[in-house]
N, C-alpha and C. Protein backbone atom coordinates (compact mmCIF):
# COMPACT_ATOMS: atom_id res chain seq x y z
N UNK A 1 -55.35 69.05 184.19
CA UNK A 1 -54.84 70.33 184.43
C UNK A 1 -53.55 70.81 183.59
N UNK A 2 -53.54 72.00 183.38
CA UNK A 2 -52.20 72.48 182.69
C UNK A 2 -51.15 72.12 183.27
N UNK A 3 -49.90 72.43 182.60
CA UNK A 3 -48.64 71.95 183.11
C UNK A 3 -48.50 72.52 184.72
N UNK A 4 -47.76 71.89 185.50
CA UNK A 4 -47.61 72.28 186.79
C UNK A 4 -46.24 73.15 186.71
N UNK A 5 -46.16 74.06 187.32
CA UNK A 5 -44.91 74.92 187.32
C UNK A 5 -44.30 74.75 188.39
N UNK A 6 -43.06 74.25 188.71
CA UNK A 6 -42.54 74.33 189.98
C UNK A 6 -41.12 74.73 189.72
N UNK A 7 -40.58 75.31 190.73
CA UNK A 7 -39.16 75.91 190.63
C UNK A 7 -39.13 76.83 189.43
N UNK A 8 -40.29 77.71 188.88
CA UNK A 8 -40.11 78.54 187.75
C UNK A 8 -39.61 79.98 188.38
N UNK A 9 -38.95 80.68 187.36
CA UNK A 9 -38.26 81.85 187.70
C UNK A 9 -39.44 82.94 187.17
N UNK A 10 -39.48 84.01 187.99
CA UNK A 10 -40.27 85.19 187.60
C UNK A 10 -39.52 86.34 188.18
N UNK A 11 -39.41 87.18 187.43
CA UNK A 11 -39.23 88.65 187.91
C UNK A 11 -40.18 89.78 188.47
N UNK A 12 -39.89 90.51 189.29
CA UNK A 12 -40.98 91.51 189.95
C UNK A 12 -39.60 92.87 189.83
N UNK A 13 -40.39 93.98 189.65
CA UNK A 13 -39.52 95.09 189.93
C UNK A 13 -38.73 95.34 191.07
N UNK A 14 -39.15 94.72 192.18
CA UNK A 14 -38.67 94.96 193.54
C UNK A 14 -37.49 93.76 193.56
N UNK A 15 -37.42 92.97 192.56
CA UNK A 15 -36.34 91.78 192.64
C UNK A 15 -36.63 90.64 192.06
N UNK A 16 -35.58 89.68 192.24
CA UNK A 16 -36.18 88.43 191.51
C UNK A 16 -36.66 87.35 192.62
N UNK A 17 -37.65 86.44 191.99
CA UNK A 17 -38.22 85.44 193.22
C UNK A 17 -37.86 84.28 192.32
N UNK A 18 -36.95 83.83 192.81
CA UNK A 18 -36.54 82.29 192.02
C UNK A 18 -37.43 80.93 192.43
N UNK A 19 -38.24 80.91 193.15
CA UNK A 19 -38.80 79.86 193.43
C UNK A 19 -40.40 79.95 193.80
N UNK A 20 -41.35 78.90 192.84
CA UNK A 20 -42.96 79.15 193.28
C UNK A 20 -42.96 77.74 193.54
N UNK A 21 -43.70 77.61 194.68
CA UNK A 21 -44.03 76.17 194.98
C UNK A 21 -45.63 75.89 195.05
N UNK A 22 -46.07 74.90 194.26
CA UNK A 22 -47.44 74.73 193.83
C UNK A 22 -47.79 73.83 195.03
N UNK A 23 -49.11 74.06 195.38
CA UNK A 23 -49.85 73.61 196.58
C UNK A 23 -50.20 71.85 196.04
N UNK A 24 -49.73 70.98 196.53
CA UNK A 24 -49.90 69.45 196.31
C UNK A 24 -51.40 69.17 196.27
N UNK A 25 -51.76 68.88 195.14
CA UNK A 25 -53.14 68.57 194.97
C UNK A 25 -53.67 67.25 195.93
N UNK A 26 -54.43 67.26 196.68
CA UNK A 26 -54.87 66.04 197.53
C UNK A 26 -55.42 64.85 196.59
N UNK A 27 -55.12 63.69 196.88
CA UNK A 27 -55.82 62.36 196.09
C UNK A 27 -57.21 62.79 195.81
N UNK A 28 -57.56 62.46 194.66
CA UNK A 28 -59.05 62.71 194.35
C UNK A 28 -59.64 64.03 194.20
N UNK A 29 -58.80 65.00 194.46
CA UNK A 29 -59.40 66.33 194.44
C UNK A 29 -58.44 66.98 193.07
N UNK A 30 -59.30 67.58 192.41
CA UNK A 30 -59.04 68.13 191.16
C UNK A 30 -59.25 69.79 191.25
N UNK A 31 -58.12 70.53 191.22
CA UNK A 31 -57.88 72.03 191.30
C UNK A 31 -58.90 72.73 190.07
N UNK A 32 -58.88 72.02 188.92
CA UNK A 32 -59.48 72.35 187.68
C UNK A 32 -60.95 73.01 188.20
N UNK A 33 -61.66 72.24 188.94
CA UNK A 33 -63.04 72.47 189.45
C UNK A 33 -62.96 73.78 190.04
N UNK A 34 -61.89 73.92 191.07
CA UNK A 34 -61.92 75.23 191.84
C UNK A 34 -61.64 76.45 190.87
N UNK A 35 -60.57 76.03 190.07
CA UNK A 35 -60.24 77.40 189.11
C UNK A 35 -61.55 77.68 188.01
N UNK A 36 -62.24 76.66 187.69
CA UNK A 36 -63.59 77.04 186.95
C UNK A 36 -64.42 77.50 187.88
N UNK A 37 -64.71 77.42 188.78
CA UNK A 37 -65.54 78.15 189.80
C UNK A 37 -65.14 79.40 190.16
N UNK A 38 -63.71 79.93 190.14
CA UNK A 38 -63.32 81.07 190.26
C UNK A 38 -63.54 82.10 189.10
N UNK A 39 -63.21 81.27 187.65
CA UNK A 39 -63.70 81.81 186.57
C UNK A 39 -65.08 82.17 186.46
N UNK A 40 -66.02 81.39 187.29
CA UNK A 40 -67.35 81.75 186.90
C UNK A 40 -67.89 82.76 187.97
N UNK A 41 -67.27 82.75 188.98
CA UNK A 41 -67.63 83.62 190.05
C UNK A 41 -67.26 84.97 189.83
N UNK A 42 -65.86 85.38 189.29
CA UNK A 42 -65.03 86.41 188.91
C UNK A 42 -64.91 86.10 187.35
N UNK A 43 -66.00 86.70 186.66
CA UNK A 43 -65.68 86.82 185.16
C UNK A 43 -64.47 87.55 184.58
N UNK A 44 -64.28 88.50 185.19
CA UNK A 44 -63.03 89.71 184.80
C UNK A 44 -61.88 88.53 184.91
N UNK A 45 -61.55 88.11 185.55
CA UNK A 45 -60.39 86.81 185.86
C UNK A 45 -60.16 86.18 184.50
N UNK A 46 -61.46 85.56 183.99
CA UNK A 46 -61.38 84.70 182.94
C UNK A 46 -60.93 85.51 181.52
N UNK A 47 -61.47 86.74 181.86
CA UNK A 47 -61.31 87.58 180.44
C UNK A 47 -59.81 88.03 180.19
N UNK A 48 -59.01 88.14 181.58
CA UNK A 48 -57.71 88.65 181.33
C UNK A 48 -56.64 87.75 181.85
N UNK A 49 -56.70 86.47 182.66
CA UNK A 49 -56.02 85.72 182.99
C UNK A 49 -56.17 84.10 182.39
N UNK A 50 -55.16 83.40 182.22
CA UNK A 50 -55.11 81.98 182.07
C UNK A 50 -54.65 81.43 183.55
N UNK A 51 -55.13 81.03 184.33
CA UNK A 51 -54.75 80.42 185.44
C UNK A 51 -54.08 79.10 185.14
N UNK A 52 -52.60 78.93 185.75
CA UNK A 52 -51.94 77.40 185.50
C UNK A 52 -52.13 76.72 186.88
N UNK A 53 -52.22 76.97 187.91
CA UNK A 53 -52.17 76.23 189.20
C UNK A 53 -52.73 77.01 190.24
N UNK A 54 -52.86 76.32 191.30
CA UNK A 54 -53.21 76.97 192.68
C UNK A 54 -51.79 76.83 193.46
N UNK A 55 -51.34 77.98 193.93
CA UNK A 55 -49.91 77.91 194.60
C UNK A 55 -49.97 78.18 196.33
N UNK A 56 -51.17 78.57 196.59
CA UNK A 56 -51.45 78.73 198.10
C UNK A 56 -52.71 78.85 198.88
N UNK A 57 -52.94 78.77 200.03
CA UNK A 57 -54.49 78.90 200.59
C UNK A 57 -54.16 79.18 202.03
N UNK A 58 -55.23 79.88 202.30
CA UNK A 58 -55.24 80.34 203.66
C UNK A 58 -56.49 80.08 204.32
N UNK A 59 -56.82 80.77 205.55
CA UNK A 59 -58.10 80.55 205.85
C UNK A 59 -59.39 81.20 205.47
N UNK A 60 -58.94 82.40 204.61
CA UNK A 60 -59.88 83.13 203.86
C UNK A 60 -59.54 83.46 202.69
N UNK A 61 -58.54 82.89 201.93
CA UNK A 61 -58.19 83.14 200.65
C UNK A 61 -57.38 82.12 199.87
N UNK A 62 -57.29 82.08 198.57
CA UNK A 62 -56.49 80.93 197.88
C UNK A 62 -55.91 82.04 196.89
N UNK A 63 -54.62 81.29 196.44
CA UNK A 63 -53.66 82.16 195.66
C UNK A 63 -53.33 81.36 194.36
N UNK A 64 -53.32 81.86 193.19
CA UNK A 64 -53.32 81.14 192.01
C UNK A 64 -52.19 81.85 191.25
N UNK A 65 -51.66 80.76 190.36
CA UNK A 65 -50.55 81.37 189.45
C UNK A 65 -51.09 81.53 188.16
N UNK A 66 -50.94 82.58 187.59
CA UNK A 66 -51.59 82.98 186.27
C UNK A 66 -50.62 83.65 185.12
N UNK A 67 -51.20 83.79 183.88
CA UNK A 67 -50.52 84.65 182.96
C UNK A 67 -51.35 85.36 182.20
N UNK A 68 -50.95 86.45 181.64
CA UNK A 68 -51.89 87.61 180.89
C UNK A 68 -52.52 86.57 179.78
N UNK A 69 -53.83 86.55 179.39
CA UNK A 69 -54.28 86.09 178.50
C UNK A 69 -54.18 86.49 177.00
N UNK A 70 -54.23 87.83 176.88
CA UNK A 70 -54.00 88.66 175.66
C UNK A 70 -52.59 89.06 175.20
N UNK A 71 -51.69 89.00 176.05
CA UNK A 71 -50.27 89.18 175.76
C UNK A 71 -49.41 88.02 175.85
N UNK A 72 -49.33 87.19 175.23
CA UNK A 72 -48.50 86.27 175.11
C UNK A 72 -46.93 86.45 175.31
N UNK A 73 -46.76 87.33 174.80
CA UNK A 73 -45.26 87.75 174.62
C UNK A 73 -44.65 88.20 176.15
N UNK A 74 -45.66 88.35 176.74
CA UNK A 74 -45.47 88.84 178.36
C UNK A 74 -45.09 87.40 179.06
N UNK A 75 -44.14 86.98 179.44
CA UNK A 75 -43.83 85.84 179.99
C UNK A 75 -43.80 85.71 181.48
N UNK A 76 -44.07 86.96 182.23
CA UNK A 76 -43.98 87.15 183.51
C UNK A 76 -45.31 86.16 184.19
N UNK A 77 -45.02 85.46 185.15
CA UNK A 77 -46.02 85.05 185.90
C UNK A 77 -46.68 86.01 186.78
N UNK A 78 -47.92 86.00 187.37
CA UNK A 78 -48.84 86.70 188.27
C UNK A 78 -49.14 85.84 189.49
N UNK A 79 -49.32 86.34 190.56
CA UNK A 79 -50.11 85.93 191.52
C UNK A 79 -51.32 86.41 191.74
N UNK A 80 -52.61 85.59 191.85
CA UNK A 80 -53.84 86.06 191.89
C UNK A 80 -54.43 85.74 193.19
N UNK A 81 -54.72 86.65 194.11
CA UNK A 81 -55.24 86.29 195.40
C UNK A 81 -56.63 86.63 195.31
N UNK A 82 -57.43 85.06 195.60
CA UNK A 82 -58.88 85.42 195.79
C UNK A 82 -59.12 85.38 197.33
N UNK A 83 -59.72 86.64 197.86
CA UNK A 83 -60.09 86.63 198.94
C UNK A 83 -61.44 86.40 199.33
N UNK A 84 -62.15 85.61 200.19
CA UNK A 84 -63.21 85.10 200.41
C UNK A 84 -63.64 85.82 201.67
N UNK A 85 -64.61 86.50 201.65
CA UNK A 85 -65.11 87.41 202.90
C UNK A 85 -65.90 86.52 203.97
N UNK A 86 -64.99 85.32 204.57
CA UNK A 86 -65.64 84.51 205.51
C UNK A 86 -65.07 84.96 206.80
N UNK A 87 -64.51 85.98 207.24
CA UNK A 87 -63.82 86.32 208.51
C UNK A 87 -64.30 87.97 208.74
N UNK A 88 -64.04 88.04 209.98
CA UNK A 88 -64.40 89.58 210.11
C UNK A 88 -63.61 90.62 209.29
N UNK A 89 -64.54 91.66 208.74
CA UNK A 89 -64.09 92.57 207.59
C UNK A 89 -62.75 93.24 208.08
N UNK A 90 -62.36 93.45 209.21
CA UNK A 90 -61.15 94.17 209.56
C UNK A 90 -59.76 93.12 209.39
N UNK A 91 -59.92 91.97 209.33
CA UNK A 91 -58.71 91.27 208.95
C UNK A 91 -58.83 91.19 207.41
N UNK A 92 -59.81 91.33 206.73
CA UNK A 92 -59.68 91.41 205.40
C UNK A 92 -59.06 92.76 205.01
N UNK A 93 -59.41 93.85 205.79
CA UNK A 93 -58.70 95.00 205.61
C UNK A 93 -57.32 95.15 205.76
N UNK A 94 -57.00 94.55 206.95
CA UNK A 94 -55.43 94.22 207.08
C UNK A 94 -54.86 93.58 205.99
N UNK A 95 -55.41 92.50 205.53
CA UNK A 95 -54.71 91.70 204.15
C UNK A 95 -54.50 92.75 202.89
N UNK A 96 -55.54 93.37 202.70
CA UNK A 96 -55.61 94.43 201.51
C UNK A 96 -54.55 95.64 201.81
N UNK A 97 -54.40 95.94 203.21
CA UNK A 97 -53.12 97.11 203.29
C UNK A 97 -51.98 96.23 203.12
N UNK A 98 -51.80 95.26 203.68
CA UNK A 98 -50.43 94.68 203.57
C UNK A 98 -50.14 94.18 201.81
N UNK A 99 -50.94 93.71 201.17
CA UNK A 99 -50.92 93.58 199.68
C UNK A 99 -50.49 94.98 199.14
N UNK A 100 -51.44 95.89 199.65
CA UNK A 100 -50.98 97.47 198.85
C UNK A 100 -49.61 97.73 199.32
N UNK A 101 -49.10 97.62 200.42
CA UNK A 101 -47.76 97.96 200.93
C UNK A 101 -46.65 97.17 200.12
N UNK A 102 -46.88 96.07 199.79
CA UNK A 102 -45.71 95.06 199.44
C UNK A 102 -45.89 95.29 197.50
N UNK A 103 -47.14 95.92 197.16
CA UNK A 103 -46.96 96.28 195.54
C UNK A 103 -47.74 95.19 194.92
């Protein structure tokens, strides 16, 4: 696994986000396999981002911390949310509307 990022600072146009909490990796489980599976299932992610860690998960999504692959001078961190359609489409639609509203 690449370096874990805890208590990192990142900036966002709407304000400063002073802390990023990384999901604890369960004993015997390797997030690298999950990240590689995401790269395989969504190749565009691998083309544009380097995922550094998993920072959250919910009932139908996981959130990963990433950096831009082709612009190393940009130090801003990005949260990539991988939504898995395992629930009713209206819940996913509501999630997407919320994400659109917060930017």
